[in-house]
C-alpha atoms as a PDB file:
ATOM      1  CA  MET A   1      -0.096   0.076  -0.090  1.00  0.00           C
ATOM      2  CA  THR A   2       1.350   3.499  -0.885  1.00  0.00           C
ATOM      3  CA  PHE A   3       1.594   6.261   1.658  1.00  0.00           C
ATOM      4  CA  GLU A   4      -1.264   8.162  -0.063  1.00  0.00           C
ATOM      5  CA  GLU A   5      -3.600   4.982   0.045  1.00  0.00           C
ATOM      6  CA  VAL A   6      -2.807   4.521   3.772  1.00  0.00           C
ATOM      7  CA  LEU A   7      -3.570   8.230   4.449  1.00  0.00           C
ATOM      8  CA  ILE A   8      -6.795   7.937   2.579  1.00  0.00           C
ATOM      9  CA  GLN A   9      -7.823   4.845   4.417  1.00  0.00           C
ATOM     10  CA  LYS A  10      -6.995   6.357   7.883  1.00  0.00           C
ATOM     11  CA  THR A  11      -8.807   9.532   6.915  1.00  0.00           C
ATOM     12  CA  SER A  12     -12.065   7.511   5.802  1.00  0.00           C
ATOM     13  CA  GLU A  13     -11.812   5.474   9.222  1.00  0.00           C
ATOM     14  CA  ARG A  14     -11.461   8.768  11.100  1.00  0.00           C
ATOM     15  CA  ALA A  15     -14.353  10.276   9.395  1.00  0.00           C
ATOM     16  CA  GLN A  16     -16.506   7.066   9.931  1.00  0.00           C
ATOM     17  CA  CYS A  17     -15.612   6.831  13.727  1.00  0.00           C
ATOM     18  CA  THR A  18     -16.288  10.535  14.100  1.00  0.00           C
ATOM     19  CA  GLY A  19     -19.844  10.350  12.346  1.00  0.00           C
ATOM     20  CA  GLN A  20     -20.780   7.456  14.753  1.00  0.00           C
ATOM     21  CA  ALA A  21     -19.596   9.313  17.679  1.00  0.00           C
ATOM     22  CA  LEU A  22     -21.643  12.386  16.442  1.00  0.00           C
ATOM     23  CA  GLU A  23     -24.736  10.317  16.305  1.00  0.00           C
ATOM     24  CA  GLU A  24     -24.074   8.844  19.792  1.00  0.00           C
ATOM     25  CA  VAL A  25     -23.788  12.294  21.379  1.00  0.00           C
ATOM     26  CA  LEU A  26     -26.712  13.654  19.540  1.00  0.00           C
ATOM     27  CA  LEU A  27     -28.922  10.793  20.653  1.00  0.00           C
ATOM     28  CA  SER A  28     -27.693  11.015  24.288  1.00  0.00           C
ATOM     29  CA  ALA A  29     -28.099  14.813  24.403  1.00  0.00           C
ATOM     30  CA  LYS A  30     -31.731  14.351  23.015  1.00  0.00           C
ATOM     31  CA  ALA A  31     -32.447  11.894  25.727  1.00  0.00           C
ATOM     32  CA  ASN A  32     -31.193  14.203  28.387  1.00  0.00           C
ATOM     33  CA  ASP A  33     -33.009  17.264  26.882  1.00  0.00           C
ATOM     34  CA  TYR A  34     -29.832  19.005  25.961  1.00  0.00           C
ATOM     35  CA  LEU A  35     -30.515  19.870  22.295  1.00  0.00           C
ATOM     36  CA  THR A  36     -31.410  23.219  20.809  1.00  0.00           C
ATOM     37  CA  ILE A  37     -32.684  22.775  17.249  1.00  0.00           C
ATOM     38  CA  GLY A  38     -33.036  25.559  14.666  1.00  0.00           C
ATOM     39  CA  VAL A  39     -31.150  28.588  13.583  1.00  0.00           C
ATOM     40  CA  TYR A  40     -33.144  31.151  15.407  1.00  0.00           C
ATOM     41  CA  GLU A  41     -33.487  29.059  18.591  1.00  0.00           C
ATOM     42  CA  SER A  42     -29.773  28.455  18.527  1.00  0.00           C
ATOM     43  CA  ALA A  43     -29.095  32.211  18.228  1.00  0.00           C
ATOM     44  CA  LYS A  44     -31.398  32.869  21.159  1.00  0.00           C
ATOM     45  CA  ILE A  45     -29.570  30.492  23.294  1.00  0.00           C
ATOM     46  CA  MET A  46     -26.136  31.804  22.241  1.00  0.00           C
ATOM     47  CA  ASN A  47     -27.122  35.228  22.975  1.00  0.00           C
ATOM     48  CA  VAL A  48     -28.701  34.541  26.369  1.00  0.00           C
ATOM     49  CA  ASP A  49     -26.404  31.880  27.799  1.00  0.00           C
ATOM     50  CA  PRO A  50     -23.382  31.329  25.665  1.00  0.00           C
ATOM     51  CA  ASP A  51     -21.602  29.384  28.504  1.00  0.00           C
ATOM     52  CA  SER A  52     -24.262  26.563  28.217  1.00  0.00           C
ATOM     53  CA  VAL A  53     -23.268  25.813  24.729  1.00  0.00           C
ATOM     54  CA  SER A  54     -20.965  22.810  24.427  1.00  0.00           C
ATOM     55  CA  PHE A  55     -21.107  21.840  20.663  1.00  0.00           C
ATOM     56  CA  CYS A  56     -22.507  23.120  17.415  1.00  0.00           C
ATOM     57  CA  VAL A  57     -23.587  21.196  14.333  1.00  0.00           C
ATOM     58  CA  LEU A  58     -24.420  23.131  11.125  1.00  0.00           C
ATOM     59  CA  ALA A  59     -26.279  21.209   8.362  1.00  0.00           C
ATOM     60  CA  MET A  60     -25.897  21.873   4.804  1.00  0.00           C
ATOM     61  CA  ASP A  61     -28.553  21.028   2.151  1.00  0.00           C
ATOM     62  CA  GLU A  62     -29.447  21.878  -1.311  1.00  0.00           C
ATOM     63  CA  ASP A  63     -31.239  25.013  -0.209  1.00  0.00           C
ATOM     64  CA  PHE A  64     -28.048  26.382   1.452  1.00  0.00           C
ATOM     65  CA  GLU A  65     -26.405  27.567  -1.820  1.00  0.00           C
ATOM     66  CA  CYS A  66     -29.643  29.557  -2.688  1.00  0.00           C
ATOM     67  CA  ASP A  67     -30.336  30.960   0.665  1.00  0.00           C
ATOM     68  CA  ILE A  68     -28.270  34.051   1.306  1.00  0.00           C
ATOM     69  CA  ALA A  69     -29.886  34.699   4.722  1.00  0.00           C
ATOM     70  CA  LEU A  70     -28.969  31.125   5.865  1.00  0.00           C
ATOM     71  CA  GLN A  71     -25.343  31.731   4.647  1.00  0.00           C
ATOM     72  CA  ILE A  72     -25.171  34.919   6.726  1.00  0.00           C
ATOM     73  CA  HIS A  73     -26.613  33.050   9.838  1.00  0.00           C
ATOM     74  CA  PHE A  74     -24.059  30.367   9.354  1.00  0.00           C
ATOM     75  CA  THR A  75     -21.191  32.864   9.226  1.00  0.00           C
ATOM     76  CA  LEU A  76     -22.355  34.602  12.261  1.00  0.00           C
ATOM     77  CA  ILE A  77     -22.822  31.267  14.241  1.00  0.00           C
ATOM     78  CA  GLN A  78     -19.328  30.258  13.044  1.00  0.00           C
ATOM     79  CA  ALA A  79     -17.897  33.357  14.267  1.00  0.00           C
ATOM     80  CA  PHE A  80     -19.758  33.228  17.619  1.00  0.00           C
ATOM     81  CA  CYS A  81     -18.322  29.687  18.006  1.00  0.00           C
ATOM     82  CA  PHE A  82     -14.898  30.675  17.312  1.00  0.00           C
ATOM     83  CA  ASP A  83     -14.956  33.565  19.710  1.00  0.00           C
ATOM     84  CA  ASN A  84     -16.310  31.367  22.500  1.00  0.00           C
ATOM     85  CA  ASP A  85     -14.326  28.347  22.011  1.00  0.00           C
ATOM     86  CA  ILE A  86     -17.241  26.285  21.038  1.00  0.00           C
ATOM     87  CA  SER A  87     -16.414  23.232  18.842  1.00  0.00           C
ATOM     88  CA  ILE A  88     -18.307  23.260  15.443  1.00  0.00           C
ATOM     89  CA  VAL A  89     -18.885  20.767  12.646  1.00  0.00           C
ATOM     90  CA  ARG A  90     -20.726  20.749   9.485  1.00  0.00           C
ATOM     91  CA  VAL A  91     -22.642  17.729   8.215  1.00  0.00           C
ATOM     92  CA  ASN A  92     -23.798  17.426   4.584  1.00  0.00           C
ATOM     93  CA  ASP A  93     -27.094  15.653   5.161  1.00  0.00           C
ATOM     94  CA  MET A  94     -29.735  17.708   7.003  1.00  0.00           C
ATOM     95  CA  GLN A  95     -32.455  15.094   6.545  1.00  0.00           C
ATOM     96  CA  ARG A  96     -30.403  12.581   8.387  1.00  0.00           C
ATOM     97  CA  LEU A  97     -29.580  14.983  11.180  1.00  0.00           C
ATOM     98  CA  ALA A  98     -33.251  15.900  11.554  1.00  0.00           C
ATOM     99  CA  GLU A  99     -33.954  12.140  11.741  1.00  0.00           C
ATOM    100  CA  ILE A 100     -31.728  11.751  14.666  1.00  0.00           C
ATOM    101  CA  VAL A 101     -32.609  14.817  16.605  1.00  0.00           C
ATOM    102  CA  GLY A 102     -36.146  15.743  15.709  1.00  0.00           C
ATOM    103  CA  ASP A 103     -39.374  14.739  17.474  1.00  0.00           C
ATOM    104  CA  LYS A 104     -41.723  17.287  15.922  1.00  0.00           C
ATOM    105  CA  PRO A 105     -42.419  17.996  12.161  1.00  0.00           C
ATOM    106  CA  GLU A 106     -41.129  21.548  12.418  1.00  0.00           C
ATOM    107  CA  GLN A 107     -37.769  20.287  13.680  1.00  0.00           C
ATOM    108  CA  PHE A 108     -37.287  18.506  10.471  1.00  0.00           C
ATOM    109  CA  GLU A 109     -37.554  21.745   8.481  1.00  0.00           C
ATOM    110  CA  ASP A 110     -35.098  23.735  10.608  1.00  0.00           C
ATOM    111  CA  ALA A 111     -32.389  21.357  11.557  1.00  0.00           C
ATOM    112  CA  HIS A 112     -29.753  23.609   9.874  1.00  0.00           C
ATOM    113  CA  CYS A 113     -28.308  24.274  13.247  1.00  0.00           C
ATOM    114  CA  VAL A 114     -28.279  22.029  16.335  1.00  0.00           C
ATOM    115  CA  LEU A 115     -26.619  22.950  19.562  1.00  0.00           C
ATOM    116  CA  ILE A 116     -25.653  20.523  22.389  1.00  0.00           C
ATOM    117  CA  THR A 117     -26.072  22.522  25.620  1.00  0.00           C
ATOM    118  CA  ASN A 118     -24.943  21.683  28.975  1.00  0.00           C
ATOM    119  CA  PRO A 119     -26.189  23.798  32.017  1.00  0.00           C
ATOM    120  CA  ALA A 120     -23.416  24.771  34.329  1.00  0.00           C
ATOM    121  CA  GLU A 121     -25.078  23.180  37.275  1.00  0.00           C
ATOM    122  CA  ASP A 122     -25.331  19.850  35.537  1.00  0.00           C
ATOM    123  CA  SER A 123     -22.221  17.625  35.094  1.00  0.00           C
ATOM    124  CA  TRP A 124     -23.409  15.770  31.955  1.00  0.00           C
ATOM    125  CA  GLU A 125     -20.255  14.266  30.209  1.00  0.00           C
ATOM    126  CA  ASP A 126     -20.230  11.940  27.357  1.00  0.00           C
ATOM    127  CA  PRO A 127     -17.131  10.075  26.033  1.00  0.00           C
ATOM    128  CA  ALA A 128     -18.361  10.616  22.505  1.00  0.00           C
ATOM    129  CA  LEU A 129     -18.618  14.332  23.091  1.00  0.00           C
ATOM    130  CA  GLU A 130     -15.047  14.344  24.231  1.00  0.00           C
ATOM    131  CA  LYS A 131     -13.929  12.483  21.046  1.00  0.00           C
ATOM    132  CA  LEU A 132     -15.781  15.052  18.911  1.00  0.00           C
ATOM    133  CA  HIS A 133     -14.018  18.007  20.946  1.00  0.00           C
ATOM    134  CA  LEU A 134     -10.525  16.310  20.321  1.00  0.00           C
ATOM    135  CA  PHE A 135     -11.551  15.759  16.431  1.00  0.00           C
ATOM    136  CA  CYS A 136     -12.341  19.383  16.210  1.00  0.00           C
ATOM    137  CA  GLU A 137      -9.128  20.529  17.934  1.00  0.00           C
ATOM    138  CA  GLU A 138      -7.093  18.238  15.744  1.00  0.00           C
ATOM    139  CA  SER A 139      -8.783  19.603  12.724  1.00  0.00           C
ATOM    140  CA  ARG A 140      -8.080  23.178  13.751  1.00  0.00           C
ATOM    141  CA  SER A 141      -4.425  22.252  13.897  1.00  0.00           C
ATOM    142  CA  TYR A 142      -4.623  21.392  10.244  1.00  0.00           C
ATOM    143  CA  ASN A 143      -6.464  24.895   9.561  1.00  0.00           C
ATOM    144  CA  GLU A 144      -9.758  23.132   9.064  1.00  0.00           C
ATOM    145  CA  TRP A 145     -11.790  25.305  11.122  1.00  0.00           C
ATOM    146  CA  VAL A 146     -15.398  23.754  10.538  1.00  0.00           C
ATOM    147  CA  PRO A 147     -14.620  20.141   9.679  1.00  0.00           C
ATOM    148  CA  GLU A 148     -17.202  18.091   7.811  1.00  0.00           C
ATOM    149  CA  ILE A 149     -18.586  14.933   9.355  1.00  0.00           C
ATOM    150  CA  THR A 150     -20.578  12.271   7.458  1.00  0.00           C
ATOM    151  CA  LEU A 151     -23.323  10.812   9.714  1.00  0.00           C
ATOM    152  CA  PRO A 152     -23.731   7.093   9.339  1.00  0.00           C
ATOM    153  CA  GLU A 153     -26.630   5.723   7.186  1.00  0.00           C
ATOM    154  CA  ARG A 154     -29.431   3.959   9.041  1.00  0.00           C
END
């Protein structure tokens, strides 16, 4: 195997493992009621209680390229996350993300942004969340500020 083939294989394995970790942490946060779903709802939480935000997931879909307002919101959310040391990732399948986090029909329409929150008085910890933080930290060291994760298929 060439060096390039090994690197591609390792990158693929890393991405798959990270996708599984993201799904695990989203399901765990959902069970603990630590999710905020929606661009506007997320912006409210970030404004009112930024210290409670632990992780941010931005979801792209076919509407993203045509929606200038959504692009502006993403830029502002990313800047906020960078300024407040909040780990942030992108997923390319909003429908899959909505399936994981949504309970209500309106959540399926606005799953462009999902926050994992953790109130200061609570000590909720998840090993999968720690893996994601390490993944984001490692990605930033390679100047990949908003790494993309592929969620596993059902």
